[in-house]
Amino acid sequence: MTAARQDNGIVKFLYTKPETWKKSMVWLPVAREDNTTLQLPHTKPETFKMYMAWLYSRQLPQLNTTSNAKVDVQWLVDAYALGVLVRDHKFQNAIMDLMMRCGQEIDSFPDAYFVGKMYGIARGSSPGRKLMVDLWACKADMTWI
């Protein structure tokens, strides 16, 4: 990216390499030709509903980690993926805060499946990928060596 300028409230980016821009389009939401509808074909409706609720309340669903029952945290991956798609860094940070809390309160978090899904979503040196490395290293045990 070489420059950014603002025209009528819309930020337009000028790219030096269009092939790089086209590759990144795979991860963007899909807009219709008339630009009226945003389509998120891989997003679960309940994930989008939770995101919309977060936009207005800034609250995420509460996890009950105090009971001995297994806590379902797989929805966090879907929520983080939606944050990546809509490029909402505040939402991504809120999801990562909840992931850190899970890492502190749930012994088996993150498991290999969760880390694998996050690595599939988070690219390069993204904060989500770094968090998975930090949580995995924090849970490391000398018996693994």
N, C-alpha and C. Protein backbone atom coordinates (compact mmCIF):
# COMPACT_ATOMS: atom_id res chain seq x y z
N MET A 1 0.84 -1.16 0.00
CA MET A 1 0.00 0.00 0.00
C MET A 1 0.90 1.24 0.00
N THR A 2 0.65 2.11 -0.92
CA THR A 2 1.52 3.29 -1.00
C THR A 2 0.90 4.51 -0.37
N ALA A 3 -0.40 4.67 -0.47
CA ALA A 3 -1.01 5.89 0.06
C ALA A 3 -2.47 5.65 0.36
N ALA A 4 -3.00 6.50 1.19
CA ALA A 4 -4.44 6.46 1.46
C ALA A 4 -4.93 7.89 1.48
N ARG A 5 -6.10 8.12 0.89
CA ARG A 5 -6.66 9.46 0.94
C ARG A 5 -8.15 9.34 1.21
N GLN A 6 -8.75 10.39 1.66
CA GLN A 6 -10.16 10.38 2.02
C GLN A 6 -10.94 11.25 1.05
N ASP A 7 -11.95 10.64 0.39
CA ASP A 7 -12.83 11.35 -0.53
C ASP A 7 -14.26 11.16 -0.05
N ASN A 8 -14.91 12.26 0.33
CA ASN A 8 -16.30 12.21 0.78
C ASN A 8 -16.53 11.19 1.88
N GLY A 9 -15.62 11.08 2.81
CA GLY A 9 -15.79 10.18 3.94
C GLY A 9 -15.43 8.74 3.65
N ILE A 10 -15.02 8.43 2.44
CA ILE A 10 -14.68 7.05 2.08
C ILE A 10 -13.17 6.97 1.90
N VAL A 11 -12.57 6.04 2.61
CA VAL A 11 -11.12 5.88 2.49
C VAL A 11 -10.83 5.00 1.28
N LYS A 12 -9.99 5.50 0.40
CA LYS A 12 -9.60 4.74 -0.78
C LYS A 12 -8.11 4.42 -0.69
N PHE A 13 -7.79 3.20 -0.96
CA PHE A 13 -6.39 2.78 -0.89
C PHE A 13 -5.83 2.61 -2.29
N LEU A 14 -4.63 3.08 -2.46
CA LEU A 14 -3.95 2.92 -3.73
C LEU A 14 -2.88 1.85 -3.55
N TYR A 15 -2.95 0.81 -4.34
CA TYR A 15 -2.04 -0.31 -4.20
C TYR A 15 -0.99 -0.28 -5.31
N THR A 16 0.20 -0.70 -4.95
CA THR A 16 1.25 -0.78 -5.96
C THR A 16 1.21 -2.10 -6.70
N LYS A 17 0.71 -3.16 -6.05
CA LYS A 17 0.66 -4.47 -6.67
C LYS A 17 -0.78 -5.00 -6.62
N PRO A 18 -1.52 -4.91 -7.71
CA PRO A 18 -2.90 -5.37 -7.69
C PRO A 18 -3.04 -6.85 -7.40
N GLU A 19 -2.04 -7.68 -7.75
CA GLU A 19 -2.14 -9.11 -7.47
C GLU A 19 -2.17 -9.39 -5.97
N THR A 20 -1.48 -8.59 -5.17
CA THR A 20 -1.54 -8.72 -3.72
C THR A 20 -2.92 -8.35 -3.22
N TRP A 21 -3.49 -7.32 -3.76
CA TRP A 21 -4.83 -6.88 -3.37
C TRP A 21 -5.86 -7.95 -3.70
N LYS A 22 -5.74 -8.56 -4.89
CA LYS A 22 -6.70 -9.59 -5.31
C LYS A 22 -6.62 -10.81 -4.39
N LYS A 23 -5.43 -11.19 -3.94
CA LYS A 23 -5.28 -12.32 -3.03
C LYS A 23 -5.96 -12.02 -1.70
N SER A 24 -5.88 -10.81 -1.24
CA SER A 24 -6.49 -10.47 0.04
C SER A 24 -8.01 -10.44 -0.04
N MET A 25 -8.56 -10.31 -1.24
CA MET A 25 -10.01 -10.25 -1.41
C MET A 25 -10.69 -11.55 -0.99
N VAL A 26 -9.96 -12.66 -0.96
CA VAL A 26 -10.53 -13.93 -0.53
C VAL A 26 -11.06 -13.82 0.89
N TRP A 27 -10.43 -13.02 1.72
CA TRP A 27 -10.80 -12.92 3.12
C TRP A 27 -11.80 -11.80 3.40
N LEU A 28 -12.20 -11.05 2.38
CA LEU A 28 -13.14 -9.96 2.59
C LEU A 28 -14.58 -10.45 2.43
N PRO A 29 -15.52 -9.79 3.10
CA PRO A 29 -16.92 -10.11 2.86
C PRO A 29 -17.29 -9.84 1.41
N VAL A 30 -18.30 -10.51 0.93
CA VAL A 30 -18.70 -10.39 -0.46
C VAL A 30 -19.85 -9.39 -0.56
N ALA A 31 -19.71 -8.38 -1.40
CA ALA A 31 -20.77 -7.39 -1.62
C ALA A 31 -21.44 -7.67 -2.96
N ARG A 32 -22.73 -7.42 -3.01
CA ARG A 32 -23.46 -7.57 -4.27
C ARG A 32 -23.05 -6.46 -5.23
N GLU A 33 -23.39 -6.64 -6.48
CA GLU A 33 -23.04 -5.65 -7.49
C GLU A 33 -23.63 -4.28 -7.19
N ASP A 34 -24.82 -4.25 -6.58
CA ASP A 34 -25.44 -2.96 -6.30
C ASP A 34 -24.96 -2.38 -4.96
N ASN A 35 -24.04 -3.06 -4.30
CA ASN A 35 -23.42 -2.61 -3.05
C ASN A 35 -24.42 -2.37 -1.92
N THR A 36 -25.54 -3.07 -1.94
CA THR A 36 -26.53 -2.87 -0.88
C THR A 36 -26.49 -3.97 0.18
N THR A 37 -25.99 -5.15 -0.17
CA THR A 37 -26.03 -6.28 0.74
C THR A 37 -24.64 -6.85 0.93
N LEU A 38 -24.29 -7.07 2.15
CA LEU A 38 -23.03 -7.71 2.48
C LEU A 38 -23.32 -9.17 2.75
N GLN A 39 -22.64 -10.07 2.07
CA GLN A 39 -22.87 -11.50 2.23
C GLN A 39 -21.69 -12.12 2.95
N LEU A 40 -21.99 -12.90 3.97
CA LEU A 40 -20.98 -13.63 4.73
C LEU A 40 -21.34 -15.11 4.67
N PRO A 41 -21.02 -15.77 3.56
CA PRO A 41 -21.53 -17.13 3.34
C PRO A 41 -21.03 -18.17 4.35
N HIS A 42 -19.90 -17.96 4.98
CA HIS A 42 -19.36 -18.96 5.90
C HIS A 42 -19.59 -18.61 7.37
N THR A 43 -20.36 -17.57 7.63
CA THR A 43 -20.63 -17.14 8.99
C THR A 43 -21.95 -17.73 9.47
N LYS A 44 -21.92 -18.34 10.65
CA LYS A 44 -23.13 -18.91 11.23
C LYS A 44 -24.05 -17.77 11.67
N PRO A 45 -25.35 -17.94 11.50
CA PRO A 45 -26.30 -16.89 11.90
C PRO A 45 -26.18 -16.51 13.38
N GLU A 46 -25.95 -17.49 14.25
CA GLU A 46 -25.83 -17.18 15.68
C GLU A 46 -24.56 -16.38 15.98
N THR A 47 -23.52 -16.58 15.19
CA THR A 47 -22.29 -15.79 15.36
C THR A 47 -22.55 -14.34 14.96
N PHE A 48 -23.25 -14.15 13.84
CA PHE A 48 -23.55 -12.79 13.39
C PHE A 48 -24.48 -12.10 14.38
N LYS A 49 -25.46 -12.83 14.91
CA LYS A 49 -26.38 -12.27 15.90
C LYS A 49 -25.61 -11.83 17.14
N MET A 50 -24.66 -12.64 17.58
CA MET A 50 -23.84 -12.29 18.74
C MET A 50 -22.99 -11.04 18.45
N TYR A 51 -22.46 -10.95 17.23
CA TYR A 51 -21.67 -9.78 16.84
C TYR A 51 -22.53 -8.51 16.85
N MET A 52 -23.74 -8.61 16.31
CA MET A 52 -24.63 -7.45 16.29
C MET A 52 -24.96 -7.02 17.72
N ALA A 53 -25.20 -7.98 18.61
CA ALA A 53 -25.47 -7.65 20.02
C ALA A 53 -24.25 -6.97 20.63
N TRP A 54 -23.06 -7.45 20.29
CA TRP A 54 -21.82 -6.85 20.83
C TRP A 54 -21.66 -5.41 20.33
N LEU A 55 -22.02 -5.16 19.09
CA LEU A 55 -21.89 -3.81 18.55
C LEU A 55 -22.66 -2.79 19.38
N TYR A 56 -23.82 -3.19 19.88
CA TYR A 56 -24.67 -2.27 20.63
C TYR A 56 -24.41 -2.30 22.13
N SER A 57 -24.01 -3.45 22.67
CA SER A 57 -23.86 -3.56 24.13
C SER A 57 -22.41 -3.66 24.59
N ARG A 58 -21.50 -4.01 23.68
CA ARG A 58 -20.09 -4.26 24.01
C ARG A 58 -19.96 -5.37 25.05
N GLN A 59 -20.89 -6.33 25.02
CA GLN A 59 -20.84 -7.48 25.92
C GLN A 59 -20.88 -8.76 25.10
N LEU A 60 -20.06 -9.71 25.52
CA LEU A 60 -20.03 -11.03 24.89
C LEU A 60 -20.74 -12.02 25.81
N PRO A 61 -21.17 -13.17 25.27
CA PRO A 61 -21.79 -14.17 26.13
C PRO A 61 -20.85 -14.58 27.26
N GLN A 62 -21.41 -14.81 28.43
CA GLN A 62 -20.63 -15.22 29.59
C GLN A 62 -20.36 -16.71 29.54
N LEU A 63 -19.15 -17.09 29.92
CA LEU A 63 -18.79 -18.50 30.00
C LEU A 63 -18.84 -18.93 31.46
N ASN A 64 -19.47 -20.06 31.73
CA ASN A 64 -19.51 -20.59 33.08
C ASN A 64 -18.35 -21.57 33.25
N THR A 65 -17.22 -21.05 33.68
CA THR A 65 -16.03 -21.89 33.84
C THR A 65 -15.87 -22.38 35.27
N THR A 66 -16.80 -22.04 36.16
CA THR A 66 -16.66 -22.46 37.56
C THR A 66 -17.18 -23.87 37.79
N SER A 67 -18.07 -24.36 36.93
CA SER A 67 -18.59 -25.71 37.12
C SER A 67 -17.63 -26.73 36.53
N ASN A 68 -17.83 -27.97 36.85
CA ASN A 68 -16.97 -29.04 36.33
C ASN A 68 -17.39 -29.49 34.94
N ALA A 69 -18.50 -28.96 34.44
CA ALA A 69 -18.98 -29.34 33.11
C ALA A 69 -18.04 -28.80 32.03
N LYS A 70 -18.00 -29.52 30.92
CA LYS A 70 -17.16 -29.09 29.80
C LYS A 70 -17.75 -27.82 29.19
N VAL A 71 -16.92 -26.83 29.00
CA VAL A 71 -17.35 -25.54 28.47
C VAL A 71 -17.09 -25.52 26.96
N ASP A 72 -18.12 -25.17 26.18
CA ASP A 72 -17.97 -25.08 24.73
C ASP A 72 -17.38 -23.71 24.38
N VAL A 73 -16.18 -23.73 23.86
CA VAL A 73 -15.51 -22.48 23.50
C VAL A 73 -15.21 -22.40 22.00
N GLN A 74 -15.69 -23.38 21.23
CA GLN A 74 -15.39 -23.40 19.80
C GLN A 74 -16.00 -22.21 19.07
N TRP A 75 -17.06 -21.62 19.62
CA TRP A 75 -17.70 -20.47 18.99
C TRP A 75 -16.76 -19.26 18.96
N LEU A 76 -15.75 -19.27 19.84
CA LEU A 76 -14.80 -18.16 19.86
C LEU A 76 -14.03 -18.07 18.54
N VAL A 77 -13.74 -19.22 17.95
CA VAL A 77 -13.04 -19.23 16.65
C VAL A 77 -13.91 -18.59 15.59
N ASP A 78 -15.20 -18.97 15.56
CA ASP A 78 -16.12 -18.39 14.58
C ASP A 78 -16.26 -16.89 14.78
N ALA A 79 -16.33 -16.47 16.03
CA ALA A 79 -16.46 -15.05 16.33
C ALA A 79 -15.21 -14.29 15.90
N TYR A 80 -14.04 -14.85 16.18
CA TYR A 80 -12.79 -14.20 15.77
C TYR A 80 -12.73 -14.11 14.24
N ALA A 81 -13.16 -15.18 13.54
CA ALA A 81 -13.16 -15.19 12.07
C ALA A 81 -14.05 -14.08 11.53
N LEU A 82 -15.21 -13.89 12.14
CA LEU A 82 -16.09 -12.80 11.71
C LEU A 82 -15.43 -11.45 11.94
N GLY A 83 -14.75 -11.29 13.07
CA GLY A 83 -14.03 -10.04 13.33
C GLY A 83 -12.97 -9.76 12.29
N VAL A 84 -12.30 -10.83 11.83
CA VAL A 84 -11.30 -10.68 10.77
C VAL A 84 -11.98 -10.28 9.46
N LEU A 85 -13.09 -10.92 9.13
CA LEU A 85 -13.79 -10.63 7.88
C LEU A 85 -14.30 -9.19 7.81
N VAL A 86 -14.85 -8.71 8.91
CA VAL A 86 -15.39 -7.34 8.88
C VAL A 86 -14.36 -6.32 9.34
N ARG A 87 -13.17 -6.80 9.64
CA ARG A 87 -12.04 -5.94 10.04
C ARG A 87 -12.37 -5.06 11.24
N ASP A 88 -12.98 -5.69 12.24
CA ASP A 88 -13.34 -4.99 13.48
C ASP A 88 -12.32 -5.38 14.55
N HIS A 89 -11.30 -4.56 14.71
CA HIS A 89 -10.22 -4.88 15.63
C HIS A 89 -10.67 -4.85 17.08
N LYS A 90 -11.61 -3.99 17.41
CA LYS A 90 -12.11 -3.95 18.78
C LYS A 90 -12.84 -5.25 19.12
N PHE A 91 -13.60 -5.76 18.19
CA PHE A 91 -14.28 -7.03 18.40
C PHE A 91 -13.28 -8.18 18.52
N GLN A 92 -12.28 -8.18 17.64
CA GLN A 92 -11.24 -9.21 17.72
C GLN A 92 -10.55 -9.16 19.09
N ASN A 93 -10.26 -7.96 19.57
CA ASN A 93 -9.62 -7.82 20.88
C ASN A 93 -10.52 -8.32 22.00
N ALA A 94 -11.82 -8.05 21.91
CA ALA A 94 -12.76 -8.53 22.93
C ALA A 94 -12.79 -10.06 22.93
N ILE A 95 -12.78 -10.67 21.76
CA ILE A 95 -12.76 -12.13 21.67
C ILE A 95 -11.46 -12.68 22.25
N MET A 96 -10.33 -12.02 21.94
CA MET A 96 -9.04 -12.48 22.48
C MET A 96 -8.98 -12.31 23.99
N ASP A 97 -9.60 -11.26 24.53
CA ASP A 97 -9.68 -11.11 25.99
C ASP A 97 -10.40 -12.30 26.61
N LEU A 98 -11.48 -12.71 25.97
CA LEU A 98 -12.22 -13.87 26.46
C LEU A 98 -11.40 -15.15 26.32
N MET A 99 -10.64 -15.26 25.24
CA MET A 99 -9.75 -16.40 25.06
C MET A 99 -8.69 -16.45 26.18
N MET A 100 -8.16 -15.29 26.54
CA MET A 100 -7.16 -15.25 27.62
C MET A 100 -7.79 -15.69 28.95
N ARG A 101 -9.03 -15.25 29.18
CA ARG A 101 -9.72 -15.68 30.40
C ARG A 101 -9.93 -17.19 30.40
N CYS A 102 -10.29 -17.73 29.25
CA CYS A 102 -10.44 -19.19 29.13
C CYS A 102 -9.12 -19.89 29.40
N GLY A 103 -8.04 -19.32 28.91
CA GLY A 103 -6.72 -19.89 29.14
C GLY A 103 -6.36 -19.94 30.63
N GLN A 104 -6.83 -18.96 31.37
CA GLN A 104 -6.56 -18.91 32.81
C GLN A 104 -7.46 -19.86 33.60
N GLU A 105 -8.70 -20.02 33.14
CA GLU A 105 -9.68 -20.75 33.94
C GLU A 105 -9.97 -22.17 33.48
N ILE A 106 -9.64 -22.51 32.26
CA ILE A 106 -9.92 -23.85 31.73
C ILE A 106 -8.59 -24.55 31.48
N ASP A 107 -8.37 -25.65 32.16
CA ASP A 107 -7.09 -26.36 32.05
C ASP A 107 -6.81 -26.86 30.64
N SER A 108 -7.82 -27.30 29.93
CA SER A 108 -7.62 -27.91 28.61
C SER A 108 -7.71 -26.90 27.47
N PHE A 109 -7.67 -25.62 27.78
CA PHE A 109 -7.77 -24.59 26.74
C PHE A 109 -6.42 -23.96 26.49
N PRO A 110 -6.01 -23.78 25.28
CA PRO A 110 -6.61 -24.23 24.03
C PRO A 110 -6.16 -25.64 23.69
N ASP A 111 -7.04 -26.42 23.10
CA ASP A 111 -6.65 -27.75 22.65
C ASP A 111 -6.11 -27.64 21.22
N ALA A 112 -5.57 -28.74 20.72
CA ALA A 112 -4.94 -28.73 19.40
C ALA A 112 -5.95 -28.37 18.30
N TYR A 113 -7.19 -28.81 18.44
CA TYR A 113 -8.22 -28.51 17.44
C TYR A 113 -8.49 -27.01 17.39
N PHE A 114 -8.61 -26.38 18.55
CA PHE A 114 -8.86 -24.94 18.63
C PHE A 114 -7.70 -24.16 18.00
N VAL A 115 -6.49 -24.53 18.36
CA VAL A 115 -5.30 -23.85 17.81
C VAL A 115 -5.25 -24.02 16.30
N GLY A 116 -5.55 -25.22 15.82
CA GLY A 116 -5.54 -25.47 14.37
C GLY A 116 -6.55 -24.61 13.63
N LYS A 117 -7.75 -24.48 14.18
CA LYS A 117 -8.76 -23.63 13.55
C LYS A 117 -8.33 -22.16 13.56
N MET A 118 -7.75 -21.72 14.68
CA MET A 118 -7.30 -20.32 14.75
C MET A 118 -6.18 -20.07 13.74
N TYR A 119 -5.28 -21.04 13.58
CA TYR A 119 -4.20 -20.87 12.60
C TYR A 119 -4.76 -20.83 11.18
N GLY A 120 -5.87 -21.50 10.94
CA GLY A 120 -6.49 -21.45 9.63
C GLY A 120 -7.12 -20.11 9.32
N ILE A 121 -7.52 -19.39 10.36
CA ILE A 121 -8.18 -18.08 10.20
C ILE A 121 -7.17 -16.96 10.25
N ALA A 122 -6.34 -16.97 11.28
CA ALA A 122 -5.38 -15.89 11.51
C ALA A 122 -4.19 -16.07 10.56
N ARG A 123 -3.82 -15.02 9.91
CA ARG A 123 -2.73 -15.07 8.93
C ARG A 123 -1.48 -14.40 9.45
N GLY A 124 -0.34 -14.91 9.00
CA GLY A 124 0.95 -14.29 9.29
C GLY A 124 1.20 -14.06 10.76
N SER A 125 1.49 -12.84 11.11
CA SER A 125 1.81 -12.50 12.50
C SER A 125 0.64 -11.79 13.16
N SER A 126 -0.57 -12.27 12.89
CA SER A 126 -1.76 -11.63 13.44
C SER A 126 -1.81 -11.82 14.96
N PRO A 127 -2.49 -10.93 15.67
CA PRO A 127 -2.60 -11.03 17.13
C PRO A 127 -3.25 -12.35 17.58
N GLY A 128 -4.22 -12.86 16.82
CA GLY A 128 -4.87 -14.12 17.18
C GLY A 128 -3.90 -15.28 17.15
N ARG A 129 -3.05 -15.31 16.15
CA ARG A 129 -2.05 -16.37 16.03
C ARG A 129 -1.01 -16.26 17.15
N LYS A 130 -0.59 -15.04 17.44
CA LYS A 130 0.38 -14.84 18.54
C LYS A 130 -0.22 -15.26 19.88
N LEU A 131 -1.51 -14.98 20.07
CA LEU A 131 -2.16 -15.37 21.32
C LEU A 131 -2.19 -16.88 21.46
N MET A 132 -2.44 -17.61 20.36
CA MET A 132 -2.44 -19.07 20.43
C MET A 132 -1.07 -19.60 20.84
N VAL A 133 -0.01 -19.01 20.30
CA VAL A 133 1.34 -19.42 20.67
C VAL A 133 1.59 -19.14 22.15
N ASP A 134 1.20 -17.96 22.62
CA ASP A 134 1.39 -17.59 24.02
C ASP A 134 0.62 -18.52 24.95
N LEU A 135 -0.64 -18.80 24.63
CA LEU A 135 -1.43 -19.67 25.48
C LEU A 135 -0.90 -21.10 25.48
N TRP A 136 -0.49 -21.57 24.30
CA TRP A 136 0.03 -22.93 24.19
C TRP A 136 1.34 -23.04 24.98
N ALA A 137 2.20 -22.04 24.87
CA ALA A 137 3.48 -22.07 25.60
C ALA A 137 3.24 -21.96 27.10
N CYS A 138 2.25 -21.18 27.49
CA CYS A 138 1.94 -21.03 28.91
C CYS A 138 1.49 -22.35 29.52
N LYS A 139 0.79 -23.15 28.74
CA LYS A 139 0.28 -24.43 29.23
C LYS A 139 1.29 -25.56 29.07
N ALA A 140 2.44 -25.27 28.48
CA ALA A 140 3.44 -26.30 28.18
C ALA A 140 3.89 -26.99 29.48
N ASP A 141 4.27 -28.23 29.32
CA ASP A 141 4.70 -29.06 30.44
C ASP A 141 6.01 -29.72 30.07
N MET A 142 6.90 -29.85 31.03
CA MET A 142 8.20 -30.47 30.75
C MET A 142 8.06 -31.91 30.29
N THR A 143 6.97 -32.58 30.61
CA THR A 143 6.80 -33.97 30.17
C THR A 143 6.58 -34.06 28.67
N TRP A 144 6.29 -32.95 27.99
CA TRP A 144 6.09 -32.97 26.55
C TRP A 144 7.42 -33.14 25.81
N ILE A 145 8.51 -32.77 26.44
CA ILE A 145 9.81 -32.78 25.77
C ILE A 145 10.36 -34.18 25.69
